[in-house]
Amino acid sequence: MQDEEKTKEQLINELAELRRRVDELESVESNYKNLLANIPQKVFYKCRDSVYVAVNPSYAKDFDNLRA
């Protein structure tokens, strides 16, 4: 029984650590997205085939201006 309790305690600690790490990564991702959304520089991502995957609002604004 003592080994089972230790194992349960270890699992609980591991899950708590994983939750902490996920929360930290979500926070970093949120900060990163916020930065890209608010900087004046134009940022874009392309896949290996040179197809646009994503652009930030500053870059997208240029496309809107081309259509007008």
PDB file of N, CA and C in Angstrom:
ATOM      1  N   MET A   1       0.825  -1.203   0.000  1.00  0.00           N
ATOM      2  CA  MET A   1       0.000   0.000   0.000  1.00  0.00           C
ATOM      3  C   MET A   1       0.863   1.258   0.000  1.00  0.00           C
ATOM      4  N   GLN A   2       1.979   1.212   0.728  1.00  0.00           N
ATOM      5  CA  GLN A   2       2.839   2.387   0.795  1.00  0.00           C
ATOM      6  C   GLN A   2       3.410   2.723  -0.580  1.00  0.00           C
ATOM      7  N   ASP A   3       3.794   1.689  -1.361  1.00  0.00           N
ATOM      8  CA  ASP A   3       4.298   1.924  -2.703  1.00  0.00           C
ATOM      9  C   ASP A   3       3.215   2.525  -3.590  1.00  0.00           C
ATOM     10  N   GLU A   4       1.977   2.062  -3.438  1.00  0.00           N
ATOM     11  CA  GLU A   4       0.871   2.620  -4.223  1.00  0.00           C
ATOM     12  C   GLU A   4       0.650   4.085  -3.877  1.00  0.00           C
ATOM     13  N   GLU A   5       0.711   4.413  -2.614  1.00  0.00           N
ATOM     14  CA  GLU A   5       0.527   5.804  -2.188  1.00  0.00           C
ATOM     15  C   GLU A   5       1.650   6.679  -2.736  1.00  0.00           C
ATOM     16  N   LYS A   6       2.854   6.177  -2.701  1.00  0.00           N
ATOM     17  CA  LYS A   6       3.981   6.929  -3.225  1.00  0.00           C
ATOM     18  C   LYS A   6       3.802   7.146  -4.727  1.00  0.00           C
ATOM     19  N   THR A   7       3.372   6.127  -5.415  1.00  0.00           N
ATOM     20  CA  THR A   7       3.157   6.235  -6.848  1.00  0.00           C
ATOM     21  C   THR A   7       2.060   7.252  -7.140  1.00  0.00           C
ATOM     22  N   LYS A   8       0.984   7.219  -6.391  1.00  0.00           N
ATOM     23  CA  LYS A   8      -0.094   8.193  -6.583  1.00  0.00           C
ATOM     24  C   LYS A   8       0.416   9.600  -6.321  1.00  0.00           C
ATOM     25  N   GLU A   9       1.201   9.746  -5.280  1.00  0.00           N
ATOM     26  CA  GLU A   9       1.750  11.064  -4.947  1.00  0.00           C
ATOM     27  C   GLU A   9       2.682  11.544  -6.058  1.00  0.00           C
ATOM     28  N   GLN A  10       3.490  10.642  -6.576  1.00  0.00           N
ATOM     29  CA  GLN A  10       4.389  11.011  -7.671  1.00  0.00           C
ATOM     30  C   GLN A  10       3.593  11.431  -8.907  1.00  0.00           C
ATOM     31  N   LEU A  11       2.542  10.683  -9.218  1.00  0.00           N
ATOM     32  CA  LEU A  11       1.710  11.032 -10.364  1.00  0.00           C
ATOM     33  C   LEU A  11       1.030  12.388 -10.173  1.00  0.00           C
ATOM     34  N   ILE A  12       0.555  12.642  -8.991  1.00  0.00           N
ATOM     35  CA  ILE A  12      -0.080  13.929  -8.692  1.00  0.00           C
ATOM     36  C   ILE A  12       0.935  15.056  -8.865  1.00  0.00           C
ATOM     37  N   ASN A  13       2.163  14.851  -8.381  1.00  0.00           N
ATOM     38  CA  ASN A  13       3.211  15.862  -8.529  1.00  0.00           C
ATOM     39  C   ASN A  13       3.592  16.070  -9.997  1.00  0.00           C
ATOM     40  N   GLU A  14       3.682  14.971 -10.739  1.00  0.00           N
ATOM     41  CA  GLU A  14       4.006  15.086 -12.159  1.00  0.00           C
ATOM     42  C   GLU A  14       2.900  15.826 -12.919  1.00  0.00           C
ATOM     43  N   LEU A  15       1.653  15.513 -12.616  1.00  0.00           N
ATOM     44  CA  LEU A  15       0.543  16.206 -13.266  1.00  0.00           C
ATOM     45  C   LEU A  15       0.533  17.689 -12.919  1.00  0.00           C
ATOM     46  N   ALA A  16       0.816  18.018 -11.680  1.00  0.00           N
ATOM     47  CA  ALA A  16       0.875  19.420 -11.272  1.00  0.00           C
ATOM     48  C   ALA A  16       1.994  20.152 -12.009  1.00  0.00           C
ATOM     49  N   GLU A  17       3.128  19.495 -12.178  1.00  0.00           N
ATOM     50  CA  GLU A  17       4.253  20.096 -12.898  1.00  0.00           C
ATOM     51  C   GLU A  17       3.901  20.277 -14.377  1.00  0.00           C
ATOM     52  N   LEU A  18       3.278  19.286 -14.964  1.00  0.00           N
ATOM     53  CA  LEU A  18       2.863  19.406 -16.361  1.00  0.00           C
ATOM     54  C   LEU A  18       1.851  20.533 -16.536  1.00  0.00           C
ATOM     55  N   ARG A  19       0.915  20.671 -15.615  1.00  0.00           N
ATOM     56  CA  ARG A  19      -0.074  21.746 -15.679  1.00  0.00           C
ATOM     57  C   ARG A  19       0.612  23.107 -15.587  1.00  0.00           C
ATOM     58  N   ARG A  20       1.613  23.205 -14.708  1.00  0.00           N
ATOM     59  CA  ARG A  20       2.359  24.448 -14.562  1.00  0.00           C
ATOM     60  C   ARG A  20       3.083  24.787 -15.859  1.00  0.00           C
ATOM     61  N   ARG A  21       3.684  23.779 -16.481  1.00  0.00           N
ATOM     62  CA  ARG A  21       4.410  24.005 -17.726  1.00  0.00           C
ATOM     63  C   ARG A  21       3.475  24.384 -18.871  1.00  0.00           C
ATOM     64  N   VAL A  22       2.300  23.751 -18.935  1.00  0.00           N
ATOM     65  CA  VAL A  22       1.316  24.098 -19.959  1.00  0.00           C
ATOM     66  C   VAL A  22       0.851  25.538 -19.761  1.00  0.00           C
ATOM     67  N   ASP A  23       0.572  25.911 -18.521  1.00  0.00           N
ATOM     68  CA  ASP A  23       0.156  27.289 -18.230  1.00  0.00           C
ATOM     69  C   ASP A  23       1.225  28.291 -18.648  1.00  0.00           C
ATOM     70  N   GLU A  24       2.477  27.959 -18.364  1.00  0.00           N
ATOM     71  CA  GLU A  24       3.590  28.836 -18.728  1.00  0.00           C
ATOM     72  C   GLU A  24       3.687  28.978 -20.251  1.00  0.00           C
ATOM     73  N   LEU A  25       3.565  27.862 -20.970  1.00  0.00           N
ATOM     74  CA  LEU A  25       3.625  27.913 -22.428  1.00  0.00           C
ATOM     75  C   LEU A  25       2.453  28.701 -23.009  1.00  0.00           C
ATOM     76  N   GLU A  26       1.273  28.550 -22.425  1.00  0.00           N
ATOM     77  CA  GLU A  26       0.116  29.314 -22.896  1.00  0.00           C
ATOM     78  C   GLU A  26       0.333  30.803 -22.684  1.00  0.00           C
ATOM     79  N   SER A  27       0.955  31.161 -21.586  1.00  0.00           N
ATOM     80  CA  SER A  27       1.244  32.561 -21.305  1.00  0.00           C
ATOM     81  C   SER A  27       2.255  33.118 -22.309  1.00  0.00           C
ATOM     82  N   VAL A  28       3.299  32.359 -22.583  1.00  0.00           N
ATOM     83  CA  VAL A  28       4.311  32.782 -23.555  1.00  0.00           C
ATOM     84  C   VAL A  28       3.679  32.921 -24.940  1.00  0.00           C
ATOM     85  N   GLU A  29       2.833  31.965 -25.318  1.00  0.00           N
ATOM     86  CA  GLU A  29       2.167  32.034 -26.614  1.00  0.00           C
ATOM     87  C   GLU A  29       1.260  33.255 -26.707  1.00  0.00           C
ATOM     88  N   SER A  30       0.553  33.554 -25.641  1.00  0.00           N
ATOM     89  CA  SER A  30      -0.319  34.723 -25.613  1.00  0.00           C
ATOM     90  C   SER A  30       0.489  36.009 -25.783  1.00  0.00           C
ATOM     91  N   ASN A  31       1.600  36.103 -25.084  1.00  0.00           N
ATOM     92  CA  ASN A  31       2.473  37.278 -25.207  1.00  0.00           C
ATOM     93  C   ASN A  31       3.018  37.415 -26.624  1.00  0.00           C
ATOM     94  N   TYR A  32       3.405  36.311 -27.209  1.00  0.00           N
ATOM     95  CA  TYR A  32       3.941  36.298 -28.570  1.00  0.00           C
ATOM     96  C   TYR A  32       2.887  36.771 -29.573  1.00  0.00           C
ATOM     97  N   LYS A  33       1.668  36.229 -29.460  1.00  0.00           N
ATOM     98  CA  LYS A  33       0.588  36.637 -30.362  1.00  0.00           C
ATOM     99  C   LYS A  33       0.251  38.114 -30.181  1.00  0.00           C
ATOM    100  N   ASN A  34       0.246  38.575 -28.950  1.00  0.00           N
ATOM    101  CA  ASN A  34      -0.039  39.979 -28.666  1.00  0.00           C
ATOM    102  C   ASN A  34       1.029  40.881 -29.287  1.00  0.00           C
ATOM    103  N   LEU A  35       2.274  40.488 -29.178  1.00  0.00           N
ATOM    104  CA  LEU A  35       3.367  41.245 -29.781  1.00  0.00           C
ATOM    105  C   LEU A  35       3.201  41.329 -31.297  1.00  0.00           C
ATOM    106  N   LEU A  36       2.969  40.183 -31.935  1.00  0.00           N
ATOM    107  CA  LEU A  36       2.824  40.173 -33.395  1.00  0.00           C
ATOM    108  C   LEU A  36       1.617  40.979 -33.858  1.00  0.00           C
ATOM    109  N   ALA A  37       0.579  40.995 -33.068  1.00  0.00           N
ATOM    110  CA  ALA A  37      -0.631  41.727 -33.444  1.00  0.00           C
ATOM    111  C   ALA A  37      -0.451  43.231 -33.317  1.00  0.00           C
ATOM    112  N   ASN A  38       0.509  43.675 -32.526  1.00  0.00           N
ATOM    113  CA  ASN A  38       0.611  45.100 -32.221  1.00  0.00           C
ATOM    114  C   ASN A  38       1.865  45.800 -32.705  1.00  0.00           C
ATOM    115  N   ILE A  39       2.824  45.078 -33.256  1.00  0.00           N
ATOM    116  CA  ILE A  39       4.029  45.750 -33.750  1.00  0.00           C
ATOM    117  C   ILE A  39       3.752  46.324 -35.141  1.00  0.00           C
ATOM    118  N   PRO A  40       4.403  47.422 -35.482  1.00  0.00           N
ATOM    119  CA  PRO A  40       4.170  48.006 -36.802  1.00  0.00           C
ATOM    120  C   PRO A  40       4.884  47.243 -37.933  1.00  0.00           C
ATOM    121  N   GLN A  41       5.859  46.432 -37.600  1.00  0.00           N
ATOM    122  CA  GLN A  41       6.577  45.685 -38.632  1.00  0.00           C
ATOM    123  C   GLN A  41       5.659  44.643 -39.261  1.00  0.00           C
ATOM    124  N   LYS A  42       5.909  44.372 -40.508  1.00  0.00           N
ATOM    125  CA  LYS A  42       5.137  43.381 -41.233  1.00  0.00           C
ATOM    126  C   LYS A  42       5.776  42.004 -41.047  1.00  0.00           C
ATOM    127  N   VAL A  43       4.965  41.052 -40.601  1.00  0.00           N
ATOM    128  CA  VAL A  43       5.459  39.705 -40.330  1.00  0.00           C
ATOM    129  C   VAL A  43       4.583  38.712 -41.084  1.00  0.00           C
ATOM    130  N   PHE A  44       5.224  37.733 -41.709  1.00  0.00           N
ATOM    131  CA  PHE A  44       4.469  36.687 -42.391  1.00  0.00           C
ATOM    132  C   PHE A  44       5.176  35.351 -42.217  1.00  0.00           C
ATOM    133  N   TYR A  45       4.403  34.291 -42.371  1.00  0.00           N
ATOM    134  CA  TYR A  45       4.932  32.935 -42.337  1.00  0.00           C
ATOM    135  C   TYR A  45       4.569  32.267 -43.646  1.00  0.00           C
ATOM    136  N   LYS A  46       5.525  31.554 -44.198  1.00  0.00           N
ATOM    137  CA  LYS A  46       5.259  30.749 -45.388  1.00  0.00           C
ATOM    138  C   LYS A  46       5.683  29.317 -45.094  1.00  0.00           C
ATOM    139  N   CYS A  47       5.003  28.382 -45.752  1.00  0.00           N
ATOM    140  CA  CYS A  47       5.406  26.990 -45.619  1.00  0.00           C
ATOM    141  C   CYS A  47       6.596  26.736 -46.550  1.00  0.00           C
ATOM    142  N   ARG A  48       7.076  25.536 -46.571  1.00  0.00           N
ATOM    143  CA  ARG A  48       8.238  25.204 -47.404  1.00  0.00           C
ATOM    144  C   ARG A  48       7.960  25.362 -48.891  1.00  0.00           C
ATOM    145  N   ASP A  49       6.680  25.356 -49.252  1.00  0.00           N
ATOM    146  CA  ASP A  49       6.299  25.538 -50.651  1.00  0.00           C
ATOM    147  C   ASP A  49       6.063  27.004 -50.985  1.00  0.00           C
ATOM    148  N   SER A  50       6.470  27.890 -50.100  1.00  0.00           N
ATOM    149  CA  SER A  50       6.324  29.343 -50.265  1.00  0.00           C
ATOM    150  C   SER A  50       4.865  29.807 -50.326  1.00  0.00           C
ATOM    151  N   VAL A  51       3.994  29.071 -49.666  1.00  0.00           N
ATOM    152  CA  VAL A  51       2.593  29.460 -49.569  1.00  0.00           C
ATOM    153  C   VAL A  51       2.401  30.186 -48.237  1.00  0.00           C
ATOM    154  N   TYR A  52       1.728  31.338 -48.274  1.00  0.00           N
ATOM    155  CA  TYR A  52       1.486  32.077 -47.046  1.00  0.00           C
ATOM    156  C   TYR A  52       0.643  31.243 -46.089  1.00  0.00           C
ATOM    157  N   VAL A  53       1.088  31.172 -44.856  1.00  0.00           N
ATOM    158  CA  VAL A  53       0.366  30.446 -43.819  1.00  0.00           C
ATOM    159  C   VAL A  53      -0.327  31.433 -42.894  1.00  0.00           C
ATOM    160  N   ALA A  54       0.354  32.528 -42.565  1.00  0.00           N
ATOM    161  CA  ALA A  54      -0.223  33.533 -41.669  1.00  0.00           C
ATOM    162  C   ALA A  54       0.506  34.853 -41.850  1.00  0.00           C
ATOM    163  N   VAL A  55      -0.208  35.933 -41.574  1.00  0.00           N
ATOM    164  CA  VAL A  55       0.396  37.264 -41.575  1.00  0.00           C
ATOM    165  C   VAL A  55      -0.143  38.022 -40.364  1.00  0.00           C
ATOM    166  N   ASN A  56       0.600  39.025 -39.931  1.00  0.00           N
ATOM    167  CA  ASN A  56       0.107  39.840 -38.818  1.00  0.00           C
ATOM    168  C   ASN A  56      -0.765  40.968 -39.379  1.00  0.00           C
ATOM    169  N   PRO A  57      -1.515  41.657 -38.520  1.00  0.00           N
ATOM    170  CA  PRO A  57      -2.431  42.709 -39.001  1.00  0.00           C
ATOM    171  C   PRO A  57      -1.739  43.799 -39.811  1.00  0.00           C
ATOM    172  N   SER A  58      -0.533  44.171 -39.457  1.00  0.00           N
ATOM    173  CA  SER A  58       0.183  45.201 -40.200  1.00  0.00           C
ATOM    174  C   SER A  58       0.425  44.766 -41.642  1.00  0.00           C
ATOM    175  N   TYR A  59       0.778  43.511 -41.838  1.00  0.00           N
ATOM    176  CA  TYR A  59       1.001  42.972 -43.177  1.00  0.00           C
ATOM    177  C   TYR A  59      -0.319  42.849 -43.924  1.00  0.00           C
ATOM    178  N   ALA A  60      -1.354  42.396 -43.246  1.00  0.00           N
ATOM    179  CA  ALA A  60      -2.669  42.231 -43.866  1.00  0.00           C
ATOM    180  C   ALA A  60      -3.238  43.562 -44.329  1.00  0.00           C
ATOM    181  N   LYS A  61      -2.929  44.641 -43.620  1.00  0.00           N
ATOM    182  CA  LYS A  61      -3.434  45.962 -43.989  1.00  0.00           C
ATOM    183  C   LYS A  61      -2.954  46.347 -45.388  1.00  0.00           C
ATOM    184  N   ASP A  62      -1.744  45.959 -45.743  1.00  0.00           N
ATOM    185  CA  ASP A  62      -1.237  46.240 -47.085  1.00  0.00           C
ATOM    186  C   ASP A  62      -2.094  45.565 -48.157  1.00  0.00           C
ATOM    187  N   PHE A  63      -2.550  44.356 -47.906  1.00  0.00           N
ATOM    188  CA  PHE A  63      -3.405  43.667 -48.872  1.00  0.00           C
ATOM    189  C   PHE A  63      -4.747  44.365 -48.986  1.00  0.00           C
ATOM    190  N   ASP A  64      -5.273  44.839 -47.872  1.00  0.00           N
ATOM    191  CA  ASP A  64      -6.541  45.586 -47.910  1.00  0.00           C
ATOM    192  C   ASP A  64      -6.389  46.864 -48.732  1.00  0.00           C
ATOM    193  N   ASN A  65      -5.236  47.534 -48.598  1.00  0.00           N
ATOM    194  CA  ASN A  65      -4.999  48.766 -49.355  1.00  0.00           C
ATOM    195  C   ASN A  65      -4.880  48.493 -50.855  1.00  0.00           C
ATOM    196  N   LEU A  66      -4.386  47.316 -51.221  1.00  0.00           N
ATOM    197  CA  LEU A  66      -4.254  46.975 -52.639  1.00  0.00           C
ATOM    198  C   LEU A  66      -5.630  46.787 -53.286  1.00  0.00           C
ATOM    199  N   ARG A  67      -6.583  46.275 -52.527  1.00  0.00           N
ATOM    200  CA  ARG A  67      -7.914  46.012 -53.053  1.00  0.00           C
ATOM    201  C   ARG A  67      -8.728  47.301 -53.210  1.00  0.00           C
ATOM    202  N   ALA A  68      -8.381  48.305 -52.443  1.00  0.00           N
ATOM    203  CA  ALA A  68      -9.181  49.542 -52.456  1.00  0.00           C
ATOM    204  C   ALA A  68      -8.912  50.396 -53.671  1.00  0.00           C
TER     205      ALA A  68
END
